[in-house]
Amino acid sequence: MIAQETAHVTEEAGLPLPTADMDGEQLFMLGMMYSSGSGGCPMDRVSAHMIFNLAAMKGSLEARVYRREMSQEMEREEIAEAQRAARRYIDNGTVVLAA
């Protein structure tokens, strides 16, 4: 199953978004879609970093590597925005982390 098949699609934009039932690998694949601008996702470093962060928290080692590499190309403010967005997903219960 690919990330786009399991991601929530917003009504207004039609963009695949992380969902609570996605595992680390599915989140990693979704992050790859945003980092490369593929699968109906715009190329968006902040969103990709946020999703890689969520994937890393769910155990994806690959996401940790890609998040680190991506952060080297980003401004400090972009990284902070991505981290705040990841926290909002967690706080809203949109993405549930393993205990």
N, C-alpha and C. Protein backbone atom coordinates (compact mmCIF):
# COMPACT_ATOMS: atom_id res chain seq x y z
N MET A 1 0.85 -1.16 0.00
CA MET A 1 0.00 0.00 0.00
C MET A 1 0.90 1.24 0.00
N ILE A 2 0.62 2.20 -0.88
CA ILE A 2 1.43 3.40 -0.93
C ILE A 2 0.84 4.47 -0.02
N ALA A 3 1.68 5.44 0.33
CA ALA A 3 1.26 6.47 1.27
C ALA A 3 0.04 7.22 0.79
N GLN A 4 -0.05 7.48 -0.50
CA GLN A 4 -1.18 8.24 -1.02
C GLN A 4 -2.50 7.50 -0.81
N GLU A 5 -2.47 6.18 -0.82
CA GLU A 5 -3.68 5.40 -0.62
C GLU A 5 -4.17 5.46 0.82
N THR A 6 -3.26 5.67 1.77
CA THR A 6 -3.65 5.68 3.17
C THR A 6 -3.75 7.08 3.76
N ALA A 7 -3.28 8.09 3.03
CA ALA A 7 -3.29 9.46 3.54
C ALA A 7 -4.67 10.07 3.38
N HIS A 8 -5.01 10.93 4.31
CA HIS A 8 -6.26 11.69 4.23
C HIS A 8 -6.09 12.75 3.15
N VAL A 9 -7.08 12.95 2.31
CA VAL A 9 -7.04 13.96 1.27
C VAL A 9 -7.98 15.08 1.67
N THR A 10 -7.45 16.31 1.70
CA THR A 10 -8.28 17.45 2.09
C THR A 10 -9.27 17.76 0.98
N GLU A 11 -10.43 18.24 1.35
CA GLU A 11 -11.50 18.56 0.40
C GLU A 11 -11.08 19.69 -0.53
N GLU A 12 -10.58 20.79 0.05
CA GLU A 12 -10.33 21.97 -0.75
C GLU A 12 -9.10 21.85 -1.64
N ALA A 13 -8.05 21.25 -1.20
CA ALA A 13 -6.82 21.21 -1.97
C ALA A 13 -6.54 19.85 -2.60
N GLY A 14 -7.16 18.80 -2.10
CA GLY A 14 -6.89 17.47 -2.63
C GLY A 14 -5.49 16.97 -2.29
N LEU A 15 -4.91 17.49 -1.22
CA LEU A 15 -3.56 17.09 -0.84
C LEU A 15 -3.58 15.93 0.14
N PRO A 16 -2.74 14.92 -0.07
CA PRO A 16 -2.65 13.83 0.90
C PRO A 16 -2.00 14.33 2.19
N LEU A 17 -2.59 14.00 3.32
CA LEU A 17 -2.09 14.42 4.63
C LEU A 17 -1.90 13.21 5.53
N PRO A 18 -1.05 13.33 6.54
CA PRO A 18 -0.87 12.22 7.48
C PRO A 18 -2.16 11.89 8.22
N THR A 19 -2.34 10.62 8.52
CA THR A 19 -3.49 10.17 9.30
C THR A 19 -3.00 9.36 10.49
N ALA A 20 -3.87 9.19 11.47
CA ALA A 20 -3.52 8.49 12.71
C ALA A 20 -3.14 7.04 12.47
N ASP A 21 -3.69 6.42 11.43
CA ASP A 21 -3.43 5.00 11.21
C ASP A 21 -2.18 4.72 10.39
N MET A 22 -1.49 5.76 9.93
CA MET A 22 -0.28 5.55 9.13
C MET A 22 0.89 5.15 10.03
N ASP A 23 1.66 4.16 9.58
CA ASP A 23 2.85 3.76 10.32
C ASP A 23 4.05 4.57 9.84
N GLY A 24 5.20 4.32 10.44
CA GLY A 24 6.41 5.07 10.10
C GLY A 24 6.78 4.99 8.64
N GLU A 25 6.64 3.82 8.06
CA GLU A 25 7.00 3.63 6.64
C GLU A 25 6.05 4.41 5.73
N GLN A 26 4.77 4.36 6.03
CA GLN A 26 3.79 5.10 5.21
C GLN A 26 4.01 6.60 5.33
N LEU A 27 4.31 7.06 6.54
CA LEU A 27 4.61 8.48 6.72
C LEU A 27 5.89 8.86 5.98
N PHE A 28 6.90 7.98 6.02
CA PHE A 28 8.13 8.24 5.29
C PHE A 28 7.85 8.41 3.80
N MET A 29 7.04 7.50 3.25
CA MET A 29 6.71 7.58 1.82
C MET A 29 5.96 8.88 1.50
N LEU A 30 5.06 9.29 2.38
CA LEU A 30 4.35 10.56 2.19
C LEU A 30 5.33 11.73 2.25
N GLY A 31 6.26 11.70 3.18
CA GLY A 31 7.30 12.73 3.24
C GLY A 31 8.11 12.79 1.97
N MET A 32 8.41 11.64 1.40
CA MET A 32 9.15 11.60 0.13
C MET A 32 8.34 12.27 -0.99
N MET A 33 7.03 12.06 -0.97
CA MET A 33 6.17 12.68 -1.99
C MET A 33 6.25 14.20 -1.89
N TYR A 34 6.23 14.75 -0.67
CA TYR A 34 6.32 16.20 -0.49
C TYR A 34 7.73 16.71 -0.77
N SER A 35 8.75 15.94 -0.47
CA SER A 35 10.11 16.40 -0.70
C SER A 35 10.46 16.42 -2.19
N SER A 36 9.76 15.61 -2.97
CA SER A 36 10.05 15.54 -4.41
C SER A 36 8.96 16.15 -5.28
N GLY A 37 7.84 16.53 -4.67
CA GLY A 37 6.75 17.09 -5.46
C GLY A 37 6.09 16.05 -6.35
N SER A 38 5.84 14.86 -5.80
CA SER A 38 5.24 13.79 -6.60
C SER A 38 3.95 13.30 -5.97
N GLY A 39 3.20 12.48 -6.69
CA GLY A 39 1.98 11.86 -6.16
C GLY A 39 0.88 12.84 -5.79
N GLY A 40 0.82 13.96 -6.48
CA GLY A 40 -0.21 14.96 -6.20
C GLY A 40 0.16 15.93 -5.10
N CYS A 41 1.39 15.83 -4.59
CA CYS A 41 1.86 16.74 -3.54
C CYS A 41 2.75 17.82 -4.16
N PRO A 42 2.63 19.05 -3.66
CA PRO A 42 3.57 20.07 -4.11
C PRO A 42 4.93 19.83 -3.47
N MET A 43 5.98 20.30 -4.08
CA MET A 43 7.29 20.22 -3.43
C MET A 43 7.28 21.24 -2.30
N ASP A 44 7.39 20.75 -1.08
CA ASP A 44 7.25 21.60 0.11
C ASP A 44 8.17 21.07 1.20
N ARG A 45 9.29 21.76 1.42
CA ARG A 45 10.28 21.29 2.39
C ARG A 45 9.74 21.29 3.81
N VAL A 46 8.94 22.29 4.16
CA VAL A 46 8.41 22.36 5.53
C VAL A 46 7.48 21.18 5.80
N SER A 47 6.57 20.91 4.86
CA SER A 47 5.66 19.77 5.03
C SER A 47 6.43 18.45 5.04
N ALA A 48 7.41 18.32 4.15
CA ALA A 48 8.21 17.10 4.10
C ALA A 48 8.94 16.89 5.42
N HIS A 49 9.56 17.94 5.94
CA HIS A 49 10.28 17.84 7.21
C HIS A 49 9.33 17.45 8.33
N MET A 50 8.14 18.07 8.36
CA MET A 50 7.14 17.76 9.38
C MET A 50 6.77 16.28 9.31
N ILE A 51 6.51 15.79 8.11
CA ILE A 51 6.08 14.40 7.95
C ILE A 51 7.23 13.44 8.26
N PHE A 52 8.46 13.78 7.85
CA PHE A 52 9.61 12.96 8.22
C PHE A 52 9.76 12.92 9.74
N ASN A 53 9.48 14.04 10.40
CA ASN A 53 9.55 14.08 11.86
C ASN A 53 8.54 13.11 12.47
N LEU A 54 7.31 13.13 11.97
CA LEU A 54 6.28 12.21 12.45
C LEU A 54 6.68 10.76 12.18
N ALA A 55 7.22 10.51 10.99
CA ALA A 55 7.65 9.15 10.63
C ALA A 55 8.77 8.68 11.55
N ALA A 56 9.70 9.57 11.85
CA ALA A 56 10.82 9.22 12.74
C ALA A 56 10.29 8.88 14.13
N MET A 57 9.29 9.62 14.59
CA MET A 57 8.71 9.35 15.91
C MET A 57 7.97 8.02 15.93
N LYS A 58 7.58 7.53 14.75
CA LYS A 58 6.92 6.22 14.66
C LYS A 58 7.91 5.13 14.27
N GLY A 59 9.21 5.44 14.35
CA GLY A 59 10.23 4.40 14.19
C GLY A 59 10.93 4.31 12.86
N SER A 60 10.67 5.21 11.91
CA SER A 60 11.34 5.13 10.62
C SER A 60 12.75 5.69 10.69
N LEU A 61 13.73 4.81 10.54
CA LEU A 61 15.12 5.24 10.54
C LEU A 61 15.45 6.05 9.29
N GLU A 62 14.87 5.66 8.16
CA GLU A 62 15.08 6.39 6.92
C GLU A 62 14.61 7.84 7.05
N ALA A 63 13.48 8.03 7.72
CA ALA A 63 12.94 9.38 7.88
C ALA A 63 13.91 10.25 8.68
N ARG A 64 14.58 9.67 9.65
CA ARG A 64 15.57 10.44 10.43
C ARG A 64 16.69 10.94 9.54
N VAL A 65 17.15 10.08 8.65
CA VAL A 65 18.24 10.46 7.74
C VAL A 65 17.77 11.57 6.81
N TYR A 66 16.61 11.39 6.18
CA TYR A 66 16.10 12.39 5.24
C TYR A 66 15.77 13.70 5.94
N ARG A 67 15.23 13.65 7.15
CA ARG A 67 14.93 14.86 7.91
C ARG A 67 16.21 15.64 8.19
N ARG A 68 17.26 14.93 8.58
CA ARG A 68 18.55 15.58 8.86
C ARG A 68 19.11 16.23 7.61
N GLU A 69 19.08 15.50 6.50
CA GLU A 69 19.60 16.05 5.24
C GLU A 69 18.79 17.26 4.80
N MET A 70 17.49 17.16 4.91
CA MET A 70 16.62 18.26 4.50
C MET A 70 16.86 19.49 5.37
N SER A 71 17.05 19.29 6.66
CA SER A 71 17.22 20.43 7.56
C SER A 71 18.50 21.21 7.25
N GLN A 72 19.48 20.58 6.62
CA GLN A 72 20.70 21.27 6.23
C GLN A 72 20.46 22.25 5.09
N GLU A 73 19.35 22.08 4.37
CA GLU A 73 19.02 22.95 3.25
C GLU A 73 17.96 23.99 3.62
N MET A 74 17.48 23.94 4.86
CA MET A 74 16.38 24.80 5.28
C MET A 74 16.86 25.92 6.20
N GLU A 75 16.09 27.00 6.20
CA GLU A 75 16.33 28.10 7.13
C GLU A 75 15.85 27.67 8.51
N ARG A 76 16.39 28.28 9.54
CA ARG A 76 16.03 27.97 10.91
C ARG A 76 14.52 28.15 11.14
N GLU A 77 13.95 29.20 10.55
CA GLU A 77 12.51 29.47 10.72
C GLU A 77 11.66 28.38 10.07
N GLU A 78 12.11 27.84 8.93
CA GLU A 78 11.37 26.76 8.28
C GLU A 78 11.36 25.50 9.15
N ILE A 79 12.50 25.21 9.75
CA ILE A 79 12.59 24.03 10.62
C ILE A 79 11.67 24.20 11.82
N ALA A 80 11.68 25.38 12.41
CA ALA A 80 10.82 25.65 13.57
C ALA A 80 9.35 25.51 13.17
N GLU A 81 8.99 26.00 11.98
CA GLU A 81 7.60 25.88 11.50
C GLU A 81 7.23 24.41 11.33
N ALA A 82 8.13 23.61 10.77
CA ALA A 82 7.87 22.18 10.57
C ALA A 82 7.70 21.47 11.91
N GLN A 83 8.50 21.84 12.90
CA GLN A 83 8.40 21.21 14.22
C GLN A 83 7.09 21.59 14.91
N ARG A 84 6.67 22.86 14.76
CA ARG A 84 5.38 23.28 15.34
C ARG A 84 4.23 22.53 14.67
N ALA A 85 4.32 22.36 13.36
CA ALA A 85 3.25 21.66 12.63
C ALA A 85 3.17 20.20 13.07
N ALA A 86 4.31 19.56 13.26
CA ALA A 86 4.31 18.16 13.73
C ALA A 86 3.68 18.08 15.12
N ARG A 87 4.01 19.04 15.98
CA ARG A 87 3.44 19.05 17.33
C ARG A 87 1.93 19.22 17.27
N ARG A 88 1.43 20.07 16.35
CA ARG A 88 -0.02 20.26 16.21
C ARG A 88 -0.69 18.95 15.79
N TYR A 89 -0.08 18.22 14.87
CA TYR A 89 -0.65 16.93 14.45
C TYR A 89 -0.75 15.98 15.63
N ILE A 90 0.28 15.95 16.45
CA ILE A 90 0.29 15.07 17.62
C ILE A 90 -0.74 15.53 18.65
N ASP A 91 -0.73 16.83 18.95
CA ASP A 91 -1.64 17.38 19.96
C ASP A 91 -3.10 17.23 19.57
N ASN A 92 -3.40 17.33 18.27
CA ASN A 92 -4.78 17.19 17.78
C ASN A 92 -5.21 15.73 17.66
N GLY A 93 -4.30 14.80 17.88
CA GLY A 93 -4.63 13.39 17.77
C GLY A 93 -4.71 12.90 16.34
N THR A 94 -4.28 13.76 15.39
CA THR A 94 -4.31 13.36 13.99
C THR A 94 -3.28 12.26 13.73
N VAL A 95 -2.16 12.34 14.41
CA VAL A 95 -1.14 11.30 14.34
C VAL A 95 -0.91 10.81 15.76
N VAL A 96 -1.08 9.52 15.95
CA VAL A 96 -0.95 8.92 17.27
C VAL A 96 0.39 8.19 17.32
N LEU A 97 1.19 8.52 18.32
CA LEU A 97 2.49 7.90 18.46
C LEU A 97 2.39 6.63 19.30
N ALA A 98 3.27 5.71 19.02
CA ALA A 98 3.31 4.47 19.82
C ALA A 98 3.78 4.81 21.23
N ALA A 99 3.25 4.10 22.20
CA ALA A 99 3.61 4.37 23.60
C ALA A 99 4.99 3.91 23.91
